[in-house]
Amino acid sequence: MRLKQLLKKLTPFITIALFLVACYVLWRQLRNHDPSQLWSNILDIKAWELITAIGLTMLGYIALSGYDIVAVKFRDRNVPTWKPMLAGLLGYSFTNTTGHAVIVGGFIRLRIYPAWGFKASDVGFIVVFGMMTYWLGLITMSGLAFVLEPHELGRLIRIDGMWIRMIGIGLLLLLAVYLLICGLRKQPVKLWKWEFRLPNLATSIMQTCVSCLDLAIAASVLWVLLPDDGKLPLLGFFGLFAVVQFIALMSLVPGGLGVFATLMVLALGQGSNPTHVLGSILVFRAIYYLAPFVLGVVAFGCFTLSSRKAIARFYEDEPGATTRSGSP
């Protein structure tokens, strides 16, 4: 218990330290390059690349809403598809930028779903189910890319291609075990004092497909914006993107800020000018994260104002809902 309390206290300091380390490494990579060149590289991105990136981003956020749609379907809540789709769009427009999917995502959804009769326990389930779905996609995308493009990835991260392929096979086996358990086990799973129902095979396959689609589109947005020199094949880039996303997620830095850019510059800067790579990443963040966040803030404010009576009734009926939003 003491160790747990110590880690809880140290987490903010570790997060800040990781962010500062990432910034330092990024500075070392770019210190010999003219800063004005960065802006020039951003302006060099072609119009068709920007239009393609914006179009893919729109598709990407529709794919993101699938996390909520699958979760609500598995929860056996009979509501029109547009409702979890809207909640997913608004929720992820925030958490993609701010990070902390449980706390921020739970807070946003607790201001949306109650207007449609959902309870706090339903919202907690949707948030946790979405996180599990995301991890399934990371495992699947990484596994497929490691198996099919091991040598390109091995060259970038300086690990023998054979080991990369073995890791990929291990990840895919892990996915296969999960799908097999979901297909065969009908009884709830008990873990310490918690008991939960596993999704059936069809739902677990749907989880995997939704998350893979989300990651593939997000990776494609950045891939389109990257300079042509030293660009990885798309499938290999999917694997690199999934690995970098995983490390940025584990760093606990909100939105992977600094960490994601540093790792991408380290990996791709070997075959391309680092300022070219960084310029593409900045544009990617503006298109895929910042613009949806601004639109999400406006849309969330409008929704909250239009549904304030229904949400007020929810908090009258469930006075502990606010407390539970951070710990679903």
C-alpha atoms as a PDB file:
ATOM      1  CA  MET A   1       0.000   0.000   0.000  1.00  0.00           C
ATOM      2  CA  ARG A   2       2.864   2.389   0.827  1.00  0.00           C
ATOM      3  CA  LEU A   3       4.460   1.684  -2.556  1.00  0.00           C
ATOM      4  CA  LYS A   4       1.134   2.391  -4.278  1.00  0.00           C
ATOM      5  CA  GLN A   5       0.768   5.716  -2.431  1.00  0.00           C
ATOM      6  CA  LEU A   6       4.374   6.642  -3.248  1.00  0.00           C
ATOM      7  CA  LEU A   7       3.860   5.900  -6.955  1.00  0.00           C
ATOM      8  CA  LYS A   8       0.664   7.958  -6.930  1.00  0.00           C
ATOM      9  CA  LYS A   9       2.546  10.944  -5.493  1.00  0.00           C
ATOM     10  CA  LEU A  10       5.490  10.527  -7.859  1.00  0.00           C
ATOM     11  CA  THR A  11       3.441  10.090 -11.053  1.00  0.00           C
ATOM     12  CA  PRO A  12       3.089  13.858 -11.829  1.00  0.00           C
ATOM     13  CA  PHE A  13       6.843  14.352 -11.338  1.00  0.00           C
ATOM     14  CA  ILE A  14       7.675  11.323 -13.514  1.00  0.00           C
ATOM     15  CA  THR A  15       5.363  12.665 -16.223  1.00  0.00           C
ATOM     16  CA  ILE A  16       7.059  16.094 -16.159  1.00  0.00           C
ATOM     17  CA  ALA A  17      10.504  14.463 -16.173  1.00  0.00           C
ATOM     18  CA  LEU A  18       9.627  12.316 -19.211  1.00  0.00           C
ATOM     19  CA  PHE A  19       8.296  15.366 -21.036  1.00  0.00           C
ATOM     20  CA  LEU A  20      11.512  17.312 -20.317  1.00  0.00           C
ATOM     21  CA  VAL A  21      13.692  14.381 -21.417  1.00  0.00           C
ATOM     22  CA  ALA A  22      11.688  14.109 -24.649  1.00  0.00           C
ATOM     23  CA  CYS A  23      12.143  17.846 -25.283  1.00  0.00           C
ATOM     24  CA  TYR A  24      15.900  17.570 -24.635  1.00  0.00           C
ATOM     25  CA  VAL A  25      16.309  14.633 -27.029  1.00  0.00           C
ATOM     26  CA  LEU A  26      14.276  16.465 -29.675  1.00  0.00           C
ATOM     27  CA  TRP A  27      16.466  19.575 -29.218  1.00  0.00           C
ATOM     28  CA  ARG A  28      19.637  17.483 -29.691  1.00  0.00           C
ATOM     29  CA  GLN A  29      18.233  16.090 -32.936  1.00  0.00           C
ATOM     30  CA  LEU A  30      17.403  19.550 -34.291  1.00  0.00           C
ATOM     31  CA  ARG A  31      20.123  21.800 -32.831  1.00  0.00           C
ATOM     32  CA  ASN A  32      22.246  21.734 -36.011  1.00  0.00           C
ATOM     33  CA  HIS A  33      19.332  22.729 -38.243  1.00  0.00           C
ATOM     34  CA  ASP A  34      18.105  26.239 -39.013  1.00  0.00           C
ATOM     35  CA  PRO A  35      14.799  26.878 -37.136  1.00  0.00           C
ATOM     36  CA  SER A  36      13.494  28.932 -40.084  1.00  0.00           C
ATOM     37  CA  GLN A  37      13.780  25.789 -42.190  1.00  0.00           C
ATOM     38  CA  LEU A  38      11.026  24.187 -40.094  1.00  0.00           C
ATOM     39  CA  TRP A  39       8.468  26.802 -41.163  1.00  0.00           C
ATOM     40  CA  SER A  40       9.652  26.503 -44.767  1.00  0.00           C
ATOM     41  CA  ASN A  41       9.156  22.726 -44.625  1.00  0.00           C
ATOM     42  CA  ILE A  42       5.610  23.169 -43.301  1.00  0.00           C
ATOM     43  CA  LEU A  43       4.797  25.513 -46.195  1.00  0.00           C
ATOM     44  CA  ASP A  44       6.231  22.953 -48.629  1.00  0.00           C
ATOM     45  CA  ILE A  45       3.474  20.443 -47.809  1.00  0.00           C
ATOM     46  CA  LYS A  46       1.319  20.197 -50.920  1.00  0.00           C
ATOM     47  CA  ALA A  47      -2.347  21.221 -51.005  1.00  0.00           C
ATOM     48  CA  TRP A  48      -3.511  17.741 -52.046  1.00  0.00           C
ATOM     49  CA  GLU A  49      -1.658  16.258 -49.068  1.00  0.00           C
ATOM     50  CA  LEU A  50      -3.450  18.650 -46.704  1.00  0.00           C
ATOM     51  CA  ILE A  51      -6.843  17.911 -48.272  1.00  0.00           C
ATOM     52  CA  THR A  52      -6.204  14.152 -48.064  1.00  0.00           C
ATOM     53  CA  ALA A  53      -5.120  14.471 -44.422  1.00  0.00           C
ATOM     54  CA  ILE A  54      -8.261  16.451 -43.535  1.00  0.00           C
ATOM     55  CA  GLY A  55     -10.486  13.921 -45.312  1.00  0.00           C
ATOM     56  CA  LEU A  56      -8.790  11.010 -43.532  1.00  0.00           C
ATOM     57  CA  THR A  57      -9.168  12.824 -40.210  1.00  0.00           C
ATOM     58  CA  MET A  58     -12.923  13.097 -40.742  1.00  0.00           C
ATOM     59  CA  LEU A  59     -13.062   9.360 -41.477  1.00  0.00           C
ATOM     60  CA  GLY A  60     -10.819   8.714 -38.476  1.00  0.00           C
ATOM     61  CA  TYR A  61     -13.177  10.378 -36.028  1.00  0.00           C
ATOM     62  CA  ILE A  62     -16.104   8.408 -37.429  1.00  0.00           C
ATOM     63  CA  ALA A  63     -14.023   5.288 -36.769  1.00  0.00           C
ATOM     64  CA  LEU A  64     -13.288   6.542 -33.238  1.00  0.00           C
ATOM     65  CA  SER A  65     -17.007   6.759 -32.526  1.00  0.00           C
ATOM     66  CA  GLY A  66     -17.119   3.011 -33.155  1.00  0.00           C
ATOM     67  CA  TYR A  67     -15.562   2.433 -29.721  1.00  0.00           C
ATOM     68  CA  ASP A  68     -18.701   3.790 -28.043  1.00  0.00           C
ATOM     69  CA  ILE A  69     -21.056   2.134 -30.534  1.00  0.00           C
ATOM     70  CA  VAL A  70     -19.618  -1.346 -29.864  1.00  0.00           C
ATOM     71  CA  ALA A  71     -19.553  -0.739 -26.085  1.00  0.00           C
ATOM     72  CA  VAL A  72     -23.203   0.408 -25.984  1.00  0.00           C
ATOM     73  CA  LYS A  73     -24.253  -2.551 -28.138  1.00  0.00           C
ATOM     74  CA  PHE A  74     -22.456  -4.971 -25.799  1.00  0.00           C
ATOM     75  CA  ARG A  75     -24.062  -3.229 -22.810  1.00  0.00           C
ATOM     76  CA  ASP A  76     -27.462  -4.151 -24.340  1.00  0.00           C
ATOM     77  CA  ARG A  77     -28.666  -0.543 -24.383  1.00  0.00           C
ATOM     78  CA  ASN A  78     -31.260  -0.143 -27.110  1.00  0.00           C
ATOM     79  CA  VAL A  79     -30.592   3.376 -28.393  1.00  0.00           C
ATOM     80  CA  PRO A  80     -30.203   4.828 -31.909  1.00  0.00           C
ATOM     81  CA  THR A  81     -26.657   4.472 -33.276  1.00  0.00           C
ATOM     82  CA  TRP A  82     -26.222   8.230 -33.643  1.00  0.00           C
ATOM     83  CA  LYS A  83     -26.242   8.703 -29.862  1.00  0.00           C
ATOM     84  CA  PRO A  84     -23.111   6.672 -28.964  1.00  0.00           C
ATOM     85  CA  MET A  85     -21.599   7.971 -32.209  1.00  0.00           C
ATOM     86  CA  LEU A  86     -22.035  11.573 -31.036  1.00  0.00           C
ATOM     87  CA  ALA A  87     -20.749  10.743 -27.551  1.00  0.00           C
ATOM     88  CA  GLY A  88     -17.692   9.028 -29.030  1.00  0.00           C
ATOM     89  CA  LEU A  89     -16.946  11.923 -31.378  1.00  0.00           C
ATOM     90  CA  LEU A  90     -17.130  14.466 -28.552  1.00  0.00           C
ATOM     91  CA  GLY A  91     -15.294  12.284 -26.026  1.00  0.00           C
ATOM     92  CA  TYR A  92     -12.352  11.474 -28.260  1.00  0.00           C
ATOM     93  CA  SER A  93     -12.092  15.006 -29.624  1.00  0.00           C
ATOM     94  CA  PHE A  94     -11.106  15.896 -26.041  1.00  0.00           C
ATOM     95  CA  THR A  95      -9.067  12.880 -24.907  1.00  0.00           C
ATOM     96  CA  ASN A  96      -6.993  12.636 -28.095  1.00  0.00           C
ATOM     97  CA  THR A  97      -5.542  16.018 -27.123  1.00  0.00           C
ATOM     98  CA  THR A  98      -5.692  15.999 -23.319  1.00  0.00           C
ATOM     99  CA  GLY A  99      -4.946  12.322 -22.673  1.00  0.00           C
ATOM    100  CA  HIS A 100      -6.252  10.689 -19.465  1.00  0.00           C
ATOM    101  CA  ALA A 101      -9.044   8.798 -21.214  1.00  0.00           C
ATOM    102  CA  VAL A 102     -10.621   7.513 -17.987  1.00  0.00           C
ATOM    103  CA  ILE A 103     -10.848  10.828 -16.143  1.00  0.00           C
ATOM    104  CA  VAL A 104     -11.435  13.263 -19.010  1.00  0.00           C
ATOM    105  CA  GLY A 105     -13.371  10.778 -21.150  1.00  0.00           C
ATOM    106  CA  GLY A 106     -15.511   9.785 -18.176  1.00  0.00           C
ATOM    107  CA  PHE A 107     -16.240  13.415 -17.315  1.00  0.00           C
ATOM    108  CA  ILE A 108     -17.287  14.291 -20.882  1.00  0.00           C
ATOM    109  CA  ARG A 109     -19.502  11.229 -21.232  1.00  0.00           C
ATOM    110  CA  LEU A 110     -21.131  11.851 -17.850  1.00  0.00           C
ATOM    111  CA  ARG A 111     -22.404  15.117 -19.354  1.00  0.00           C
ATOM    112  CA  ILE A 112     -23.744  13.375 -22.471  1.00  0.00           C
ATOM    113  CA  TYR A 113     -25.099   9.884 -21.797  1.00  0.00           C
ATOM    114  CA  PRO A 114     -27.346  10.804 -18.809  1.00  0.00           C
ATOM    115  CA  ALA A 115     -29.437  12.915 -21.203  1.00  0.00           C
ATOM    116  CA  TRP A 116     -30.420   9.600 -22.822  1.00  0.00           C
ATOM    117  CA  GLY A 117     -31.120   7.692 -19.608  1.00  0.00           C
ATOM    118  CA  PHE A 118     -27.705   6.079 -19.048  1.00  0.00           C
ATOM    119  CA  LYS A 119     -26.446   5.539 -15.494  1.00  0.00           C
ATOM    120  CA  ALA A 120     -22.984   6.329 -14.142  1.00  0.00           C
ATOM    121  CA  SER A 121     -22.144   2.609 -14.141  1.00  0.00           C
ATOM    122  CA  ASP A 122     -22.980   2.479 -17.860  1.00  0.00           C
ATOM    123  CA  VAL A 123     -20.631   5.374 -18.558  1.00  0.00           C
ATOM    124  CA  GLY A 124     -17.829   3.751 -16.559  1.00  0.00           C
ATOM    125  CA  PHE A 125     -18.300   0.540 -18.517  1.00  0.00           C
ATOM    126  CA  ILE A 126     -18.179   2.367 -21.876  1.00  0.00           C
ATOM    127  CA  VAL A 127     -14.918   4.143 -20.969  1.00  0.00           C
ATOM    128  CA  VAL A 128     -13.162   0.979 -19.745  1.00  0.00           C
ATOM    129  CA  PHE A 129     -14.467  -1.086 -22.671  1.00  0.00           C
ATOM    130  CA  GLY A 130     -13.128   1.555 -25.071  1.00  0.00           C
ATOM    131  CA  MET A 131      -9.671   1.385 -23.479  1.00  0.00           C
ATOM    132  CA  MET A 132      -9.649  -2.400 -23.813  1.00  0.00           C
ATOM    133  CA  THR A 133     -10.703  -2.078 -27.458  1.00  0.00           C
ATOM    134  CA  TYR A 134      -7.867   0.380 -28.142  1.00  0.00           C
ATOM    135  CA  TRP A 135      -5.276  -2.009 -26.709  1.00  0.00           C
ATOM    136  CA  LEU A 136      -6.593  -4.796 -28.928  1.00  0.00           C
ATOM    137  CA  GLY A 137      -5.924  -2.590 -31.940  1.00  0.00           C
ATOM    138  CA  LEU A 138      -2.401  -1.745 -30.777  1.00  0.00           C
ATOM    139  CA  ILE A 139      -1.594  -5.442 -30.341  1.00  0.00           C
ATOM    140  CA  THR A 140      -3.097  -6.402 -33.708  1.00  0.00           C
ATOM    141  CA  MET A 141      -1.554  -3.583 -35.767  1.00  0.00           C
ATOM    142  CA  SER A 142       1.869  -4.049 -34.186  1.00  0.00           C
ATOM    143  CA  GLY A 143       1.719  -7.817 -34.630  1.00  0.00           C
ATOM    144  CA  LEU A 144       0.736  -7.665 -38.310  1.00  0.00           C
ATOM    145  CA  ALA A 145       3.331  -5.016 -39.162  1.00  0.00           C
ATOM    146  CA  PHE A 146       6.096  -6.841 -37.250  1.00  0.00           C
ATOM    147  CA  VAL A 147       5.344 -10.082 -39.107  1.00  0.00           C
ATOM    148  CA  LEU A 148       4.961  -8.569 -42.595  1.00  0.00           C
ATOM    149  CA  GLU A 149       7.564  -5.757 -42.489  1.00  0.00           C
ATOM    150  CA  PRO A 150      10.174  -6.890 -39.924  1.00  0.00           C
ATOM    151  CA  HIS A 151      13.316  -5.749 -41.736  1.00  0.00           C
ATOM    152  CA  GLU A 152      12.224  -2.148 -42.391  1.00  0.00           C
ATOM    153  CA  LEU A 153      11.148  -1.751 -38.764  1.00  0.00           C
ATOM    154  CA  GLY A 154      14.254  -3.531 -37.521  1.00  0.00           C
ATOM    155  CA  ARG A 155      16.427  -1.078 -39.449  1.00  0.00           C
ATOM    156  CA  LEU A 156      14.702   1.878 -37.796  1.00  0.00           C
ATOM    157  CA  ILE A 157      14.750   0.634 -34.207  1.00  0.00           C
ATOM    158  CA  ARG A 158      18.038  -1.277 -34.657  1.00  0.00           C
ATOM    159  CA  ILE A 159      16.782  -4.740 -33.777  1.00  0.00           C
ATOM    160  CA  ASP A 160      17.327  -7.790 -35.967  1.00  0.00           C
ATOM    161  CA  GLY A 161      14.353  -8.413 -38.269  1.00  0.00           C
ATOM    162  CA  MET A 162      14.041 -12.004 -37.055  1.00  0.00           C
ATOM    163  CA  TRP A 163      13.381 -10.819 -33.489  1.00  0.00           C
ATOM    164  CA  ILE A 164      10.890  -8.255 -34.732  1.00  0.00           C
ATOM    165  CA  ARG A 165       8.981 -11.012 -36.547  1.00  0.00           C
ATOM    166  CA  MET A 166       9.055 -13.242 -33.441  1.00  0.00           C
ATOM    167  CA  ILE A 167       7.602 -10.421 -31.330  1.00  0.00           C
ATOM    168  CA  GLY A 168       4.897  -9.950 -33.964  1.00  0.00           C
ATOM    169  CA  ILE A 169       4.005 -13.648 -33.892  1.00  0.00           C
ATOM    170  CA  GLY A 170       3.808 -13.460 -30.091  1.00  0.00           C
ATOM    171  CA  LEU A 171       1.442 -10.482 -30.245  1.00  0.00           C
ATOM    172  CA  LEU A 172      -0.818 -12.208 -32.770  1.00  0.00           C
ATOM    173  CA  LEU A 173      -0.866 -15.353 -30.627  1.00  0.00           C
ATOM    174  CA  LEU A 174      -1.916 -13.196 -27.670  1.00  0.00           C
ATOM    175  CA  LEU A 175      -4.770 -11.815 -29.775  1.00  0.00           C
ATOM    176  CA  ALA A 176      -5.749 -15.337 -30.860  1.00  0.00           C
ATOM    177  CA  VAL A 177      -5.893 -16.482 -27.225  1.00  0.00           C
ATOM    178  CA  TYR A 178      -8.176 -13.568 -26.337  1.00  0.00           C
ATOM    179  CA  LEU A 179     -10.509 -14.310 -29.249  1.00  0.00           C
ATOM    180  CA  LEU A 180     -10.539 -18.018 -28.372  1.00  0.00           C
ATOM    181  CA  ILE A 181     -11.440 -17.309 -24.740  1.00  0.00           C
ATOM    182  CA  CYS A 182     -14.205 -14.923 -25.836  1.00  0.00           C
ATOM    183  CA  GLY A 183     -15.545 -17.570 -28.194  1.00  0.00           C
ATOM    184  CA  LEU A 184     -15.514 -20.430 -25.684  1.00  0.00           C
ATOM    185  CA  ARG A 185     -16.140 -18.937 -22.233  1.00  0.00           C
ATOM    186  CA  LYS A 186     -19.754 -18.187 -21.411  1.00  0.00           C
ATOM    187  CA  GLN A 187     -19.482 -17.594 -17.648  1.00  0.00           C
ATOM    188  CA  PRO A 188     -18.385 -14.239 -16.156  1.00  0.00           C
ATOM    189  CA  VAL A 189     -14.702 -13.861 -15.291  1.00  0.00           C
ATOM    190  CA  LYS A 190     -13.763 -13.239 -11.647  1.00  0.00           C
ATOM    191  CA  LEU A 191     -10.684 -11.114 -10.936  1.00  0.00           C
ATOM    192  CA  TRP A 192     -10.118 -10.536  -7.246  1.00  0.00           C
ATOM    193  CA  LYS A 193     -13.347  -8.930  -6.008  1.00  0.00           C
ATOM    194  CA  TRP A 194     -14.544  -7.896  -9.486  1.00  0.00           C
ATOM    195  CA  GLU A 195     -16.675  -9.946 -11.820  1.00  0.00           C
ATOM    196  CA  PHE A 196     -17.260  -9.068 -15.463  1.00  0.00           C
ATOM    197  CA  ARG A 197     -18.691 -10.626 -18.603  1.00  0.00           C
ATOM    198  CA  LEU A 198     -16.429 -11.182 -21.580  1.00  0.00           C
ATOM    199  CA  PRO A 199     -17.699 -10.165 -25.025  1.00  0.00           C
ATOM    200  CA  ASN A 200     -18.686 -12.958 -27.376  1.00  0.00           C
ATOM    201  CA  LEU A 201     -16.554 -13.804 -30.417  1.00  0.00           C
ATOM    202  CA  ALA A 202     -18.469 -11.520 -32.793  1.00  0.00           C
ATOM    203  CA  THR A 203     -18.153  -8.529 -30.435  1.00  0.00           C
ATOM    204  CA  SER A 204     -14.443  -9.154 -29.793  1.00  0.00           C
ATOM    205  CA  ILE A 205     -13.777  -9.315 -33.563  1.00  0.00           C
ATOM    206  CA  MET A 206     -15.736  -6.071 -33.941  1.00  0.00           C
ATOM    207  CA  GLN A 207     -13.593  -4.504 -31.189  1.00  0.00           C
ATOM    208  CA  THR A 208     -10.414  -5.494 -33.002  1.00  0.00           C
ATOM    209  CA  CYS A 209     -11.634  -4.215 -36.379  1.00  0.00           C
ATOM    210  CA  VAL A 210     -12.777  -0.846 -34.998  1.00  0.00           C
ATOM    211  CA  SER A 211      -9.497  -0.205 -33.196  1.00  0.00           C
ATOM    212  CA  CYS A 212      -7.362  -1.326 -36.165  1.00  0.00           C
ATOM    213  CA  LEU A 213      -9.352   0.949 -38.467  1.00  0.00           C
ATOM    214  CA  ASP A 214      -8.870   3.875 -36.065  1.00  0.00           C
ATOM    215  CA  LEU A 215      -5.096   3.335 -35.812  1.00  0.00           C
ATOM    216  CA  ALA A 216      -4.681   2.714 -39.543  1.00  0.00           C
ATOM    217  CA  ILE A 217      -6.464   5.958 -40.469  1.00  0.00           C
ATOM    218  CA  ALA A 218      -4.582   8.005 -37.847  1.00  0.00           C
ATOM    219  CA  ALA A 219      -1.268   6.599 -39.097  1.00  0.00           C
ATOM    220  CA  SER A 220      -2.280   7.298 -42.700  1.00  0.00           C
ATOM    221  CA  VAL A 221      -2.905  10.976 -41.889  1.00  0.00           C
ATOM    222  CA  LEU A 222       0.697  11.384 -40.728  1.00  0.00           C
ATOM    223  CA  TRP A 223       2.096   9.157 -43.492  1.00  0.00           C
ATOM    224  CA  VAL A 224       0.487  11.349 -46.177  1.00  0.00           C
ATOM    225  CA  LEU A 225       2.119  14.458 -44.676  1.00  0.00           C
ATOM    226  CA  LEU A 226       5.627  12.995 -44.307  1.00  0.00           C
ATOM    227  CA  PRO A 227       8.342  13.892 -46.855  1.00  0.00           C
ATOM    228  CA  ASP A 228       8.879  11.323 -49.600  1.00  0.00           C
ATOM    229  CA  ASP A 229      12.593  10.829 -48.887  1.00  0.00           C
ATOM    230  CA  GLY A 230      13.076   7.993 -46.423  1.00  0.00           C
ATOM    231  CA  LYS A 231       9.327   7.305 -46.136  1.00  0.00           C
ATOM    232  CA  LEU A 232       8.467   3.796 -44.904  1.00  0.00           C
ATOM    233  CA  PRO A 233       6.017   1.550 -46.783  1.00  0.00           C
ATOM    234  CA  LEU A 234       2.525   2.176 -45.389  1.00  0.00           C
ATOM    235  CA  LEU A 235       2.178  -1.213 -43.670  1.00  0.00           C
ATOM    236  CA  GLY A 236       5.560  -0.858 -41.978  1.00  0.00           C
ATOM    237  CA  PHE A 237       4.613   2.648 -40.871  1.00  0.00           C
ATOM    238  CA  PHE A 238       1.441   1.248 -39.259  1.00  0.00           C
ATOM    239  CA  GLY A 239       3.653  -0.855 -36.987  1.00  0.00           C
ATOM    240  CA  LEU A 240       5.982   2.029 -36.143  1.00  0.00           C
ATOM    241  CA  PHE A 241       2.989   4.282 -35.405  1.00  0.00           C
ATOM    242  CA  ALA A 242       1.427   1.668 -33.094  1.00  0.00           C
ATOM    243  CA  VAL A 243       4.684   1.202 -31.165  1.00  0.00           C
ATOM    244  CA  VAL A 244       5.242   4.960 -30.792  1.00  0.00           C
ATOM    245  CA  GLN A 245       1.622   5.419 -29.680  1.00  0.00           C
ATOM    246  CA  PHE A 246       2.119   2.692 -27.074  1.00  0.00           C
ATOM    247  CA  ILE A 247       5.253   4.326 -25.642  1.00  0.00           C
ATOM    248  CA  ALA A 248       3.648   7.800 -25.667  1.00  0.00           C
ATOM    249  CA  LEU A 249       0.592   6.364 -23.898  1.00  0.00           C
ATOM    250  CA  MET A 250       2.713   4.693 -21.223  1.00  0.00           C
ATOM    251  CA  SER A 251       4.650   7.940 -20.634  1.00  0.00           C
ATOM    252  CA  LEU A 252       1.436   9.475 -19.140  1.00  0.00           C
ATOM    253  CA  VAL A 253       2.288  12.806 -20.800  1.00  0.00           C
ATOM    254  CA  PRO A 254      -1.067  14.345 -21.882  1.00  0.00           C
ATOM    255  CA  GLY A 255      -1.664  13.464 -25.527  1.00  0.00           C
ATOM    256  CA  GLY A 256       1.895  12.088 -25.737  1.00  0.00           C
ATOM    257  CA  LEU A 257       3.034  15.703 -26.208  1.00  0.00           C
ATOM    258  CA  GLY A 258       6.750  15.816 -27.014  1.00  0.00           C
ATOM    259  CA  VAL A 259       7.216  12.069 -26.581  1.00  0.00           C
ATOM    260  CA  PHE A 260       5.455  11.110 -29.837  1.00  0.00           C
ATOM    261  CA  ALA A 261       7.312  13.758 -31.882  1.00  0.00           C
ATOM    262  CA  THR A 262      10.695  12.824 -30.380  1.00  0.00           C
ATOM    263  CA  LEU A 263      10.313   9.123 -31.104  1.00  0.00           C
ATOM    264  CA  MET A 264       9.111   9.758 -34.656  1.00  0.00           C
ATOM    265  CA  VAL A 265      12.002  12.136 -35.375  1.00  0.00           C
ATOM    266  CA  LEU A 266      14.479   9.612 -33.928  1.00  0.00           C
ATOM    267  CA  ALA A 267      13.041   6.800 -36.061  1.00  0.00           C
ATOM    268  CA  LEU A 268      12.395   8.619 -39.341  1.00  0.00           C
ATOM    269  CA  GLY A 269      15.137  11.255 -39.114  1.00  0.00           C
ATOM    270  CA  GLN A 270      17.735   8.628 -40.102  1.00  0.00           C
ATOM    271  CA  GLY A 271      16.514   8.587 -43.713  1.00  0.00           C
ATOM    272  CA  SER A 272      15.119  12.111 -43.913  1.00  0.00           C
ATOM    273  CA  ASN A 273      15.832  15.633 -42.700  1.00  0.00           C
ATOM    274  CA  PRO A 274      14.623  15.797 -39.048  1.00  0.00           C
ATOM    275  CA  THR A 275      13.102  19.262 -39.584  1.00  0.00           C
ATOM    276  CA  HIS A 276      11.034  17.856 -42.472  1.00  0.00           C
ATOM    277  CA  VAL A 277       9.723  15.104 -40.187  1.00  0.00           C
ATOM    278  CA  LEU A 278       9.000  17.514 -37.327  1.00  0.00           C
ATOM    279  CA  GLY A 279       7.180  19.918 -39.661  1.00  0.00           C
ATOM    280  CA  SER A 280       4.929  17.069 -40.828  1.00  0.00           C
ATOM    281  CA  ILE A 281       4.243  16.033 -37.232  1.00  0.00           C
ATOM    282  CA  LEU A 282       3.260  19.601 -36.256  1.00  0.00           C
ATOM    283  CA  VAL A 283       0.816  19.798 -39.172  1.00  0.00           C
ATOM    284  CA  PHE A 284      -0.496  16.327 -38.247  1.00  0.00           C
ATOM    285  CA  ARG A 285      -1.141  17.484 -34.678  1.00  0.00           C
ATOM    286  CA  ALA A 286      -2.932  20.600 -35.891  1.00  0.00           C
ATOM    287  CA  ILE A 287      -5.190  18.627 -38.245  1.00  0.00           C
ATOM    288  CA  TYR A 288      -5.804  15.447 -36.256  1.00  0.00           C
ATOM    289  CA  TYR A 289      -5.761  16.775 -32.681  1.00  0.00           C
ATOM    290  CA  LEU A 290      -6.098  20.545 -32.361  1.00  0.00           C
ATOM    291  CA  ALA A 291      -8.836  21.227 -34.948  1.00  0.00           C
ATOM    292  CA  PRO A 292     -11.154  18.419 -33.682  1.00  0.00           C
ATOM    293  CA  PHE A 293     -10.506  19.568 -30.101  1.00  0.00           C
ATOM    294  CA  VAL A 294     -11.633  23.139 -30.876  1.00  0.00           C
ATOM    295  CA  LEU A 295     -14.717  21.865 -32.729  1.00  0.00           C
ATOM    296  CA  GLY A 296     -15.397  19.405 -29.903  1.00  0.00           C
ATOM    297  CA  VAL A 297     -15.315  22.143 -27.254  1.00  0.00           C
ATOM    298  CA  VAL A 298     -17.887  24.174 -29.197  1.00  0.00           C
ATOM    299  CA  ALA A 299     -20.121  21.153 -29.902  1.00  0.00           C
ATOM    300  CA  PHE A 300     -19.892  19.931 -26.296  1.00  0.00           C
ATOM    301  CA  GLY A 301     -20.905  23.371 -25.004  1.00  0.00           C
ATOM    302  CA  CYS A 302     -23.914  23.452 -27.335  1.00  0.00           C
ATOM    303  CA  PHE A 303     -24.967  19.928 -26.335  1.00  0.00           C
ATOM    304  CA  THR A 304     -24.619  20.673 -22.614  1.00  0.00           C
ATOM    305  CA  LEU A 305     -26.762  23.795 -22.898  1.00  0.00           C
ATOM    306  CA  SER A 306     -29.459  22.007 -24.906  1.00  0.00           C
ATOM    307  CA  SER A 307     -29.572  19.007 -22.516  1.00  0.00           C
ATOM    308  CA  ARG A 308     -29.075  20.754 -19.169  1.00  0.00           C
ATOM    309  CA  LYS A 309     -32.496  19.769 -17.790  1.00  0.00           C
ATOM    310  CA  ALA A 310     -32.023  16.053 -18.461  1.00  0.00           C
ATOM    311  CA  ILE A 311     -28.503  16.145 -17.004  1.00  0.00           C
ATOM    312  CA  ALA A 312     -29.739  18.019 -13.918  1.00  0.00           C
ATOM    313  CA  ARG A 313     -32.329  15.284 -13.317  1.00  0.00           C
ATOM    314  CA  PHE A 314     -29.568  12.676 -13.534  1.00  0.00           C
ATOM    315  CA  TYR A 315     -27.519  14.362 -10.800  1.00  0.00           C
ATOM    316  CA  GLU A 316     -30.584  14.689  -8.604  1.00  0.00           C
ATOM    317  CA  ASP A 317     -31.223  10.942  -8.931  1.00  0.00           C
ATOM    318  CA  GLU A 318     -27.529   9.929  -8.629  1.00  0.00           C
ATOM    319  CA  PRO A 319     -25.741  12.355  -6.304  1.00  0.00           C
ATOM    320  CA  GLY A 320     -22.551  10.249  -6.367  1.00  0.00           C
ATOM    321  CA  ALA A 321     -22.184  10.337 -10.147  1.00  0.00           C
ATOM    322  CA  THR A 322     -19.567  13.066 -10.160  1.00  0.00           C
ATOM    323  CA  THR A 323     -17.360  11.123  -7.787  1.00  0.00           C
ATOM    324  CA  ARG A 324     -17.610   7.985  -9.853  1.00  0.00           C
ATOM    325  CA  SER A 325     -16.690   9.706 -13.111  1.00  0.00           C
ATOM    326  CA  GLY A 326     -12.986   9.563 -12.247  1.00  0.00           C
ATOM    327  CA  SER A 327     -13.151   5.936 -11.087  1.00  0.00           C
ATOM    328  CA  PRO A 328     -15.651   4.037 -13.213  1.00  0.00           C
END
